[in-house]
Structures are given as C-alpha cells and as structure tokens.
C-alpha atoms as a PDB file:
ATOM      1  CA  MET A   1     122.385  90.779 136.110  1.00  0.00           C
ATOM      2  CA  GLU A   2     119.763  89.495 138.519  1.00  0.00           C
ATOM      3  CA  ALA A   3     117.218  86.836 137.639  1.00  0.00           C
ATOM      4  CA  GLU A   4     114.289  89.266 137.862  1.00  0.00           C
ATOM      5  CA  GLU A   5     115.969  91.786 135.584  1.00  0.00           C
ATOM      6  CA  LEU A   6     116.910  89.037 133.142  1.00  0.00           C
ATOM      7  CA  LEU A   7     113.315  87.812 133.070  1.00  0.00           C
ATOM      8  CA  ARG A   8     111.956  91.341 132.540  1.00  0.00           C
ATOM      9  CA  ASP A   9     114.381  91.933 129.662  1.00  0.00           C
ATOM     10  CA  TYR A  10     113.481  88.606 128.109  1.00  0.00           C
ATOM     11  CA  GLN A  11     109.739  89.248 128.402  1.00  0.00           C
ATOM     12  CA  ARG A  12     110.085  92.765 127.002  1.00  0.00           C
ATOM     13  CA  ASN A  13     112.205  91.605 124.056  1.00  0.00           C
ATOM     14  CA  ARG A  14     109.932  88.676 123.373  1.00  0.00           C
ATOM     15  CA  ALA A  15     106.793  90.837 123.492  1.00  0.00           C
ATOM     16  CA  GLU A  16     108.353  93.374 121.124  1.00  0.00           C
ATOM     17  CA  LEU A  17     109.313  90.691 118.617  1.00  0.00           C
ATOM     18  CA  GLU A  18     105.901  89.047 118.831  1.00  0.00           C
ATOM     19  CA  GLU A  19     104.246  92.401 118.253  1.00  0.00           C
ATOM     20  CA  ARG A  20     106.411  92.947 115.177  1.00  0.00           C
ATOM     21  CA  GLU A  21     105.523  89.463 113.935  1.00  0.00           C
ATOM     22  CA  ASP A  22     101.824  90.216 114.432  1.00  0.00           C
ATOM     23  CA  THR A  23     102.289  93.384 112.377  1.00  0.00           C
ATOM     24  CA  VAL A  24     103.872  91.381 109.557  1.00  0.00           C
ATOM     25  CA  LYS A  25     101.005  88.876 109.673  1.00  0.00           C
ATOM     26  CA  ARG A  26      98.498  91.730 109.528  1.00  0.00           C
ATOM     27  CA  TYR A  27     100.305  93.212 106.509  1.00  0.00           C
ATOM     28  CA  MET A  28     100.164  89.815 104.822  1.00  0.00           C
ATOM     29  CA  ARG A  29      96.417  89.488 105.379  1.00  0.00           C
ATOM     30  CA  ASN A  30      95.765  93.079 104.354  1.00  0.00           C
ATOM     31  CA  GLY A  31      97.909  92.654 101.249  1.00  0.00           C
ATOM     32  CA  GLN A  32      95.995  89.560 100.216  1.00  0.00           C
ATOM     33  CA  ASP A  33      92.661  91.279 100.804  1.00  0.00           C
ATOM     34  CA  TYR A  34      93.823  94.342  98.896  1.00  0.00           C
ATOM     35  CA  THR A  35      94.988  92.234  95.965  1.00  0.00           C
ATOM     36  CA  GLN A  36      91.658  90.430  95.801  1.00  0.00           C
ATOM     37  CA  ASP A  37      89.854  93.786  95.759  1.00  0.00           C
ATOM     38  CA  ILE A  38      92.155  95.030  92.998  1.00  0.00           C
ATOM     39  CA  PHE A  39      91.578  91.819  90.987  1.00  0.00           C
ATOM     40  CA  PHE A  40      87.852  92.390  91.168  1.00  0.00           C
ATOM     41  CA  GLN A  41      88.022  96.087  90.298  1.00  0.00           C
ATOM     42  CA  VAL A  42      90.419  95.571  87.400  1.00  0.00           C
ATOM     43  CA  ARG A  43      88.294  92.765  85.951  1.00  0.00           C
ATOM     44  CA  GLN A  44      85.202  94.954  86.170  1.00  0.00           C
ATOM     45  CA  LEU A  45      86.936  97.924  84.590  1.00  0.00           C
ATOM     46  CA  LEU A  46      88.498  95.928  81.777  1.00  0.00           C
ATOM     47  CA  ARG A  47      85.221  94.148  81.014  1.00  0.00           C
ATOM     48  CA  LYS A  48      83.392  97.486  80.826  1.00  0.00           C
ATOM     49  CA  ARG A  49      85.998  98.667  78.341  1.00  0.00           C
ATOM     50  CA  GLY A  50      85.518  95.561  76.244  1.00  0.00           C
ATOM     51  CA  THR A  51      89.070  94.400  76.817  1.00  0.00           C
ATOM     52  CA  SER A  52      89.938  90.920  75.605  1.00  0.00           C
ATOM     53  CA  VAL A  53      89.941  88.007  77.999  1.00  0.00           C
ATOM     54  CA  GLU A  54      93.639  87.518  77.239  1.00  0.00           C
ATOM     55  CA  SER A  55      94.439  91.072  78.359  1.00  0.00           C
ATOM     56  CA  ILE A  56      92.409  90.596  81.520  1.00  0.00           C
ATOM     57  CA  MET A  57      94.273  87.363  82.278  1.00  0.00           C
ATOM     58  CA  GLU A  58      97.661  89.010  81.676  1.00  0.00           C
ATOM     59  CA  THR A  59      96.717  91.831  84.041  1.00  0.00           C
ATOM     60  CA  GLN A  60      95.669  89.303  86.651  1.00  0.00           C
ATOM     61  CA  ARG A  61      98.965  87.420  86.263  1.00  0.00           C
ATOM     62  CA  GLU A  62     100.914  90.652  86.747  1.00  0.00           C
ATOM     63  CA  LEU A  63      98.907  91.513  89.840  1.00  0.00           C
ATOM     64  CA  GLN A  64      99.517  87.988  91.143  1.00  0.00           C
ATOM     65  CA  ARG A  65     103.276  88.334  90.561  1.00  0.00           C
ATOM     66  CA  ASN A  66     103.232  91.603  92.499  1.00  0.00           C
ATOM     67  CA  GLU A  67     101.315  90.011  95.347  1.00  0.00           C
ATOM     68  CA  ASP A  68     103.678  87.024  95.397  1.00  0.00           C
ATOM     69  CA  HIS A  69     106.694  89.325  95.609  1.00  0.00           C
ATOM     70  CA  TYR A  70     105.076  91.346  98.405  1.00  0.00           C
ATOM     71  CA  LEU A  71     104.190  88.221 100.366  1.00  0.00           C
ATOM     72  CA  GLU A  72     107.648  86.753  99.823  1.00  0.00           C
ATOM     73  CA  GLU A  73     109.276  89.832 101.328  1.00  0.00           C
ATOM     74  CA  LEU A  74     106.931  89.723 104.309  1.00  0.00           C
ATOM     75  CA  ALA A  75     107.547  86.003 104.779  1.00  0.00           C
ATOM     76  CA  GLN A  76     111.288  86.693 104.854  1.00  0.00           C
ATOM     77  CA  GLU A  77     110.762  89.427 107.447  1.00  0.00           C
ATOM     78  CA  ARG A  78     108.656  87.057 109.539  1.00  0.00           C
ATOM     79  CA  LYS A  79     111.333  84.366 109.291  1.00  0.00           C
ATOM     80  CA  GLU A  80     113.963  86.830 110.501  1.00  0.00           C
ATOM     81  CA  LEU A  81     111.748  87.821 113.433  1.00  0.00           C
ATOM     82  CA  MET A  82     111.288  84.190 114.375  1.00  0.00           C
ATOM     83  CA  LEU A  83     115.061  83.713 114.315  1.00  0.00           C
ATOM     84  CA  GLN A  84     115.448  86.738 116.552  1.00  0.00           C
ATOM     85  CA  GLN A  85     112.880  85.271 118.941  1.00  0.00           C
ATOM     86  CA  GLU A  86     114.885  82.067 119.091  1.00  0.00           C
ATOM     87  CA  GLU A  87     118.075  84.024 119.766  1.00  0.00           C
ATOM     88  CA  VAL A  88     116.373  85.922 122.600  1.00  0.00           C
ATOM     89  CA  GLU A  89     115.156  82.619 124.024  1.00  0.00           C
ATOM     90  CA  GLN A  90     118.605  81.041 123.831  1.00  0.00           C
ATOM     91  CA  PHE A  91     120.259  84.084 125.402  1.00  0.00           C
ATOM     92  CA  TYR A  92     117.753  84.060 128.244  1.00  0.00           C
ATOM     93  CA  ARG A  93     118.266  80.350 128.912  1.00  0.00           C
ATOM     94  CA  LYS A  94     122.041  80.715 128.836  1.00  0.00           C
ATOM     95  CA  LYS A  95     122.056  83.663 131.227  1.00  0.00           C
ATOM     96  CA  ARG A  96     119.566  81.950 133.534  1.00  0.00           C
ATOM     97  CA  GLN A  97     121.859  78.911 133.710  1.00  0.00           C
ATOM     98  CA  GLU A  98     124.801  81.162 134.532  1.00  0.00           C
ATOM     99  CA  LEU A  99     122.884  82.652 137.434  1.00  0.00           C
ATOM    100  CA  LYS A 100     122.273  79.256 139.059  1.00  0.00           C
END
C-alpha cells in the first residue's frame, strides 16, 4: 500500500466515523429537545384534566427515565465510534511507520 493510498483510506474512514458521531450528537440534542417538548405538553394536558400534582410528577419521572435510557444508548454508540476512530488512527500510524 502506498503512502497516498493509505492517507486517502485513513481520511475517508475518519470522515465517515466523524459523520456518524455527528449524527449521534444530533440525535442526542433532538432527543433532549423532544423530551422537553413532551414534558411541556404532558404537563399542560394533565393540568387541563385536573390531574393531581403527584400524577404529573410521576409522568415526568417516567419521561425522564425514558430520556435517560435513550441518551445512555446514544452515549454508548458515541463511545464505540470514538474507539473506532482511535483504532483507525493507530492503524494509520502503524502502516505509515511500516512504509518508512
């Protein structure tokens, strides 16, 4: 493998992984925004129905647990992508050294 080809492969792999990481970050932000919107809508709806404060709080806690689980899964995906980026970096450095 030539140095130029190695560099192109590295840059392509790195760009792909960074794009995937950006997607995960976007999902995290969108999920948080969505949850906040749902919190607001649920509170409004439950208040209009005359639901007790305790019921509203329990609903909010359940929504928060769902958001936490969602964000935890995305954080794990992001961590895996970062590990893959490190592996790509290490592979590139190793192969570059071999070419010298």
